[in-house]
Structures are given as structure tokens and as C-alpha cells.
Amino acid sequence: MDALYLLIPIAVVVMIVVVVAFIYTVKSGQYDDLEGPAHRILMDDDDPRIPGHKEKQDKKISGSD
């Protein structure tokens, strides 16, 4: 029974730390785009439909800046 007097406050403190950490990650935008990075892996970098991609290739071909 004496152990409960120690374990319950420790559990409450740990729970508060976890809740504060979760709120911080939500406010910082950690969970905003969960699927974007997974889809970005599948995209082809040579796709001419990517905006600005043709200009980058033209600079490389012409000798750059």
C-alpha cells in the first residue's frame, strides 16, 4: 500500500509530460501531412509536368547561372 503513495504521483507526472509533449507536436505541425512524404517517394523526378522542372533542366544544359 505504501508503494501506491509513490507510484500514483509518478504516474500522474509522467502522464502530464506525455500530454504536454503531444500538444507541442500537434501545435508544431508534426501531424499535418502524413501521406505527402509517402507519395513523394513514388513521384518521378523527370516528369515534365512538375512546375519549374523544365527551367532547371534548361539551366543545366545551357551551362548554368
PDB file of N, CA and C in Angstrom:
ATOM      1  N   MET A   1       0.821  -1.189   0.000  1.00  0.00           N
ATOM      2  CA  MET A   1       0.000   0.000   0.000  1.00  0.00           C
ATOM      3  C   MET A   1       0.866   1.254   0.000  1.00  0.00           C
ATOM      4  N   ASP A   2       2.006   1.210   0.658  1.00  0.00           N
ATOM      5  CA  ASP A   2       2.880   2.375   0.699  1.00  0.00           C
ATOM      6  C   ASP A   2       3.452   2.693  -0.678  1.00  0.00           C
ATOM      7  N   ALA A   3       3.598   1.665  -1.510  1.00  0.00           N
ATOM      8  CA  ALA A   3       4.140   1.874  -2.850  1.00  0.00           C
ATOM      9  C   ALA A   3       3.183   2.693  -3.702  1.00  0.00           C
ATOM     10  N   LEU A   4       1.891   2.553  -3.472  1.00  0.00           N
ATOM     11  CA  LEU A   4       0.914   3.324  -4.240  1.00  0.00           C
ATOM     12  C   LEU A   4       1.053   4.823  -3.995  1.00  0.00           C
ATOM     13  N   TYR A   5       1.445   5.204  -2.786  1.00  0.00           N
ATOM     14  CA  TYR A   5       1.627   6.625  -2.471  1.00  0.00           C
ATOM     15  C   TYR A   5       2.775   7.222  -3.286  1.00  0.00           C
ATOM     16  N   LEU A   6       3.678   6.382  -3.743  1.00  0.00           N
ATOM     17  CA  LEU A   6       4.787   6.842  -4.577  1.00  0.00           C
ATOM     18  C   LEU A   6       4.468   6.691  -6.066  1.00  0.00           C
ATOM     19  N   LEU A   7       3.852   5.568  -6.425  1.00  0.00           N
ATOM     20  CA  LEU A   7       3.623   5.274  -7.844  1.00  0.00           C
ATOM     21  C   LEU A   7       2.537   6.144  -8.483  1.00  0.00           C
ATOM     22  N   ILE A   8       1.500   6.466  -7.749  1.00  0.00           N
ATOM     23  CA  ILE A   8       0.413   7.273  -8.329  1.00  0.00           C
ATOM     24  C   ILE A   8       0.898   8.680  -8.692  1.00  0.00           C
ATOM     25  N   PRO A   9       1.605   9.403  -7.822  1.00  0.00           N
ATOM     26  CA  PRO A   9       2.112  10.724  -8.248  1.00  0.00           C
ATOM     27  C   PRO A   9       3.110  10.636  -9.406  1.00  0.00           C
ATOM     28  N   ILE A  10       3.940   9.600  -9.416  1.00  0.00           N
ATOM     29  CA  ILE A  10       4.880   9.430 -10.529  1.00  0.00           C
ATOM     30  C   ILE A  10       4.115   9.197 -11.826  1.00  0.00           C
ATOM     31  N   ALA A  11       3.064   8.389 -11.779  1.00  0.00           N
ATOM     32  CA  ALA A  11       2.256   8.122 -12.975  1.00  0.00           C
ATOM     33  C   ALA A  11       1.561   9.395 -13.462  1.00  0.00           C
ATOM     34  N   VAL A  12       1.096  10.205 -12.541  1.00  0.00           N
ATOM     35  CA  VAL A  12       0.426  11.457 -12.917  1.00  0.00           C
ATOM     36  C   VAL A  12       1.423  12.411 -13.567  1.00  0.00           C
ATOM     37  N   VAL A  13       2.618  12.504 -13.031  1.00  0.00           N
ATOM     38  CA  VAL A  13       3.641  13.379 -13.611  1.00  0.00           C
ATOM     39  C   VAL A  13       4.029  12.894 -15.008  1.00  0.00           C
ATOM     40  N   VAL A  14       4.214  11.596 -15.176  1.00  0.00           N
ATOM     41  CA  VAL A  14       4.558  11.047 -16.494  1.00  0.00           C
ATOM     42  C   VAL A  14       3.428  11.313 -17.485  1.00  0.00           C
ATOM     43  N   MET A  15       2.182  11.157 -17.036  1.00  0.00           N
ATOM     44  CA  MET A  15       1.046  11.405 -17.919  1.00  0.00           C
ATOM     45  C   MET A  15       1.004  12.873 -18.346  1.00  0.00           C
ATOM     46  N   ILE A  16       1.282  13.784 -17.441  1.00  0.00           N
ATOM     47  CA  ILE A  16       1.288  15.213 -17.771  1.00  0.00           C
ATOM     48  C   ILE A  16       2.394  15.522 -18.783  1.00  0.00           C
ATOM     49  N   VAL A  17       3.560  14.921 -18.602  1.00  0.00           N
ATOM     50  CA  VAL A  17       4.663  15.131 -19.541  1.00  0.00           C
ATOM     51  C   VAL A  17       4.281  14.628 -20.930  1.00  0.00           C
ATOM     52  N   VAL A  18       3.649  13.473 -21.010  1.00  0.00           N
ATOM     53  CA  VAL A  18       3.251  12.913 -22.304  1.00  0.00           C
ATOM     54  C   VAL A  18       2.193  13.803 -22.970  1.00  0.00           C
ATOM     55  N   VAL A  19       1.235  14.275 -22.215  1.00  0.00           N
ATOM     56  CA  VAL A  19       0.179  15.132 -22.780  1.00  0.00           C
ATOM     57  C   VAL A  19       0.778  16.448 -23.275  1.00  0.00           C
ATOM     58  N   VAL A  20       1.681  17.044 -22.515  1.00  0.00           N
ATOM     59  CA  VAL A  20       2.324  18.288 -22.941  1.00  0.00           C
ATOM     60  C   VAL A  20       3.150  18.060 -24.206  1.00  0.00           C
ATOM     61  N   ALA A  21       3.877  16.943 -24.269  1.00  0.00           N
ATOM     62  CA  ALA A  21       4.667  16.640 -25.466  1.00  0.00           C
ATOM     63  C   ALA A  21       3.757  16.437 -26.674  1.00  0.00           C
ATOM     64  N   PHE A  22       2.630  15.763 -26.489  1.00  0.00           N
ATOM     65  CA  PHE A  22       1.693  15.547 -27.594  1.00  0.00           C
ATOM     66  C   PHE A  22       1.102  16.868 -28.077  1.00  0.00           C
ATOM     67  N   ILE A  23       0.710  17.721 -27.162  1.00  0.00           N
ATOM     68  CA  ILE A  23       0.154  19.026 -27.542  1.00  0.00           C
ATOM     69  C   ILE A  23       1.199  19.850 -28.286  1.00  0.00           C
ATOM     70  N   TYR A  24       2.449  19.801 -27.841  1.00  0.00           N
ATOM     71  CA  TYR A  24       3.523  20.533 -28.524  1.00  0.00           C
ATOM     72  C   TYR A  24       3.705  20.027 -29.957  1.00  0.00           C
ATOM     73  N   THR A  25       3.694  18.709 -30.148  1.00  0.00           N
ATOM     74  CA  THR A  25       3.887  18.179 -31.503  1.00  0.00           C
ATOM     75  C   THR A  25       2.710  18.518 -32.405  1.00  0.00           C
ATOM     76  N   VAL A  26       1.506  18.530 -31.866  1.00  0.00           N
ATOM     77  CA  VAL A  26       0.340  18.898 -32.682  1.00  0.00           C
ATOM     78  C   VAL A  26       0.418  20.366 -33.085  1.00  0.00           C
ATOM     79  N   LYS A  27       0.767  21.243 -32.157  1.00  0.00           N
ATOM     80  CA  LYS A  27       0.839  22.676 -32.464  1.00  0.00           C
ATOM     81  C   LYS A  27       1.997  23.010 -33.400  1.00  0.00           C
ATOM     82  N   SER A  28       3.062  22.214 -33.373  1.00  0.00           N
ATOM     83  CA  SER A  28       4.197  22.494 -34.246  1.00  0.00           C
ATOM     84  C   SER A  28       3.997  21.931 -35.655  1.00  0.00           C
ATOM     85  N   GLY A  29       2.886  21.237 -35.895  1.00  0.00           N
ATOM     86  CA  GLY A  29       2.575  20.759 -37.235  1.00  0.00           C
ATOM     87  C   GLY A  29       3.168  19.406 -37.570  1.00  0.00           C
ATOM     88  N   GLN A  30       3.516  18.638 -36.582  1.00  0.00           N
ATOM     89  CA  GLN A  30       4.138  17.336 -36.803  1.00  0.00           C
ATOM     90  C   GLN A  30       3.208  16.389 -37.555  1.00  0.00           C
ATOM     91  N   TYR A  31       1.905  16.492 -37.342  1.00  0.00           N
ATOM     92  CA  TYR A  31       0.952  15.539 -37.913  1.00  0.00           C
ATOM     93  C   TYR A  31       0.135  16.140 -39.051  1.00  0.00           C
ATOM     94  N   ASP A  32       0.563  17.255 -39.634  1.00  0.00           N
ATOM     95  CA  ASP A  32      -0.229  17.913 -40.660  1.00  0.00           C
ATOM     96  C   ASP A  32      -0.330  17.103 -41.944  1.00  0.00           C
ATOM     97  N   ASP A  33       0.769  16.588 -42.435  1.00  0.00           N
ATOM     98  CA  ASP A  33       0.773  15.880 -43.711  1.00  0.00           C
ATOM     99  C   ASP A  33       1.419  14.515 -43.530  1.00  0.00           C
ATOM    100  N   LEU A  34       0.598  13.519 -43.268  1.00  0.00           N
ATOM    101  CA  LEU A  34       1.124  12.182 -43.023  1.00  0.00           C
ATOM    102  C   LEU A  34       1.345  11.397 -44.314  1.00  0.00           C
ATOM    103  N   GLU A  35       0.617  11.733 -45.377  1.00  0.00           N
ATOM    104  CA  GLU A  35       0.714  10.955 -46.604  1.00  0.00           C
ATOM    105  C   GLU A  35       1.631  11.581 -47.646  1.00  0.00           C
ATOM    106  N   GLY A  36       1.952  12.853 -47.523  1.00  0.00           N
ATOM    107  CA  GLY A  36       2.774  13.549 -48.508  1.00  0.00           C
ATOM    108  C   GLY A  36       4.130  12.917 -48.739  1.00  0.00           C
ATOM    109  N   PRO A  37       4.923  12.655 -47.694  1.00  0.00           N
ATOM    110  CA  PRO A  37       6.234  12.048 -47.914  1.00  0.00           C
ATOM    111  C   PRO A  37       6.152  10.669 -48.562  1.00  0.00           C
ATOM    112  N   ALA A  38       5.120   9.909 -48.242  1.00  0.00           N
ATOM    113  CA  ALA A  38       4.974   8.584 -48.841  1.00  0.00           C
ATOM    114  C   ALA A  38       4.680   8.691 -50.336  1.00  0.00           C
ATOM    115  N   HIS A  39       3.892   9.679 -50.738  1.00  0.00           N
ATOM    116  CA  HIS A  39       3.590   9.867 -52.159  1.00  0.00           C
ATOM    117  C   HIS A  39       4.773  10.483 -52.902  1.00  0.00           C
ATOM    118  N   ARG A  40       5.553  11.312 -52.227  1.00  0.00           N
ATOM    119  CA  ARG A  40       6.692  11.958 -52.855  1.00  0.00           C
ATOM    120  C   ARG A  40       7.744  10.940 -53.295  1.00  0.00           C
ATOM    121  N   ILE A  41       7.862   9.835 -52.585  1.00  0.00           N
ATOM    122  CA  ILE A  41       8.820   8.795 -52.958  1.00  0.00           C
ATOM    123  C   ILE A  41       8.457   8.200 -54.315  1.00  0.00           C
ATOM    124  N   LEU A  42       7.171   8.094 -54.587  1.00  0.00           N
ATOM    125  CA  LEU A  42       6.706   7.445 -55.814  1.00  0.00           C
ATOM    126  C   LEU A  42       6.743   8.366 -57.030  1.00  0.00           C
ATOM    127  N   MET A  43       6.886   9.673 -56.826  1.00  0.00           N
ATOM    128  CA  MET A  43       6.883  10.610 -57.952  1.00  0.00           C
ATOM    129  C   MET A  43       8.192  10.532 -58.724  1.00  0.00           C
ATOM    130  N   ASP A  44       8.084  10.685 -60.018  1.00  0.00           N
ATOM    131  CA  ASP A  44       9.253  10.637 -60.884  1.00  0.00           C
ATOM    132  C   ASP A  44       9.846  12.029 -61.007  1.00  0.00           C
ATOM    133  N   ASP A  45      11.138  12.171 -60.759  1.00  0.00           N
ATOM    134  CA  ASP A  45      11.788  13.472 -60.830  1.00  0.00           C
ATOM    135  C   ASP A  45      11.928  13.987 -62.259  1.00  0.00           C
ATOM    136  N   ASP A  46      11.859  13.115 -63.239  1.00  0.00           N
ATOM    137  CA  ASP A  46      12.000  13.509 -64.635  1.00  0.00           C
ATOM    138  C   ASP A  46      10.674  13.898 -65.277  1.00  0.00           C
ATOM    139  N   ASP A  47       9.631  13.984 -64.499  1.00  0.00           N
ATOM    140  CA  ASP A  47       8.305  14.283 -65.017  1.00  0.00           C
ATOM    141  C   ASP A  47       8.250  15.738 -65.474  1.00  0.00           C
ATOM    142  N   PRO A  48       7.973  16.009 -66.754  1.00  0.00           N
ATOM    143  CA  PRO A  48       7.936  17.394 -67.243  1.00  0.00           C
ATOM    144  C   PRO A  48       6.746  18.179 -66.708  1.00  0.00           C
ATOM    145  N   ARG A  49       5.773  17.508 -66.087  1.00  0.00           N
ATOM    146  CA  ARG A  49       4.610  18.206 -65.556  1.00  0.00           C
ATOM    147  C   ARG A  49       4.909  18.891 -64.224  1.00  0.00           C
ATOM    148  N   ILE A  50       6.080  18.642 -63.644  1.00  0.00           N
ATOM    149  CA  ILE A  50       6.436  19.288 -62.387  1.00  0.00           C
ATOM    150  C   ILE A  50       6.754  20.749 -62.676  1.00  0.00           C
ATOM    151  N   PRO A  51       6.055  21.697 -62.024  1.00  0.00           N
ATOM    152  CA  PRO A  51       6.302  23.124 -62.291  1.00  0.00           C
ATOM    153  C   PRO A  51       7.738  23.506 -61.988  1.00  0.00           C
ATOM    154  N   GLY A  52       8.355  24.242 -62.888  1.00  0.00           N
ATOM    155  CA  GLY A  52       9.711  24.718 -62.697  1.00  0.00           C
ATOM    156  C   GLY A  52      10.785  23.706 -63.043  1.00  0.00           C
ATOM    157  N   HIS A  53      10.391  22.485 -63.361  1.00  0.00           N
ATOM    158  CA  HIS A  53      11.382  21.445 -63.644  1.00  0.00           C
ATOM    159  C   HIS A  53      12.073  21.695 -64.985  1.00  0.00           C
ATOM    160  N   LYS A  54      11.334  22.174 -65.976  1.00  0.00           N
ATOM    161  CA  LYS A  54      11.914  22.412 -67.289  1.00  0.00           C
ATOM    162  C   LYS A  54      12.961  23.528 -67.224  1.00  0.00           C
ATOM    163  N   GLU A  55      12.707  24.558 -66.434  1.00  0.00           N
ATOM    164  CA  GLU A  55      13.668  25.650 -66.312  1.00  0.00           C
ATOM    165  C   GLU A  55      14.967  25.161 -65.686  1.00  0.00           C
ATOM    166  N   LYS A  56      14.881  24.264 -64.722  1.00  0.00           N
ATOM    167  CA  LYS A  56      16.079  23.724 -64.086  1.00  0.00           C
ATOM    168  C   LYS A  56      16.900  22.923 -65.089  1.00  0.00           C
ATOM    169  N   GLN A  57      16.209  22.136 -65.934  1.00  0.00           N
ATOM    170  CA  GLN A  57      16.920  21.348 -66.934  1.00  0.00           C
ATOM    171  C   GLN A  57      17.570  22.263 -67.973  1.00  0.00           C
ATOM    172  N   ASP A  58      16.870  23.336 -68.367  1.00  0.00           N
ATOM    173  CA  ASP A  58      17.423  24.270 -69.356  1.00  0.00           C
ATOM    174  C   ASP A  58      18.672  24.940 -68.821  1.00  0.00           C
ATOM    175  N   LYS A  59      18.706  25.284 -67.520  1.00  0.00           N
ATOM    176  CA  LYS A  59      19.884  25.901 -66.935  1.00  0.00           C
ATOM    177  C   LYS A  59      21.059  24.939 -66.929  1.00  0.00           C
ATOM    178  N   LYS A  60      20.786  23.667 -66.663  1.00  0.00           N
ATOM    179  CA  LYS A  60      21.861  22.675 -66.646  1.00  0.00           C
ATOM    180  C   LYS A  60      22.445  22.490 -68.041  1.00  0.00           C
ATOM    181  N   ILE A  61      21.576  22.486 -69.045  1.00  0.00           N
ATOM    182  CA  ILE A  61      22.017  22.272 -70.422  1.00  0.00           C
ATOM    183  C   ILE A  61      22.792  23.481 -70.939  1.00  0.00           C
ATOM    184  N   SER A  62      22.307  24.698 -70.625  1.00  0.00           N
ATOM    185  CA  SER A  62      22.932  25.908 -71.171  1.00  0.00           C
ATOM    186  C   SER A  62      24.225  26.302 -70.471  1.00  0.00           C
ATOM    187  N   GLY A  63      24.549  25.657 -69.392  1.00  0.00           N
ATOM    188  CA  GLY A  63      25.804  25.970 -68.726  1.00  0.00           C
ATOM    189  C   GLY A  63      25.614  26.603 -67.366  1.00  0.00           C
ATOM    190  N   SER A  64      24.427  26.741 -66.950  1.00  0.00           N
ATOM    191  CA  SER A  64      24.033  27.220 -65.613  1.00  0.00           C
ATOM    192  C   SER A  64      24.009  28.734 -65.530  1.00  0.00           C
ATOM    193  N   ASP A  65      23.858  29.247 -64.340  1.00  0.00           N
ATOM    194  CA  ASP A  65      23.575  30.630 -63.936  1.00  0.00           C
ATOM    195  C   ASP A  65      24.104  31.578 -64.939  1.00  0.00           C
TER     196      ASP A  65
END
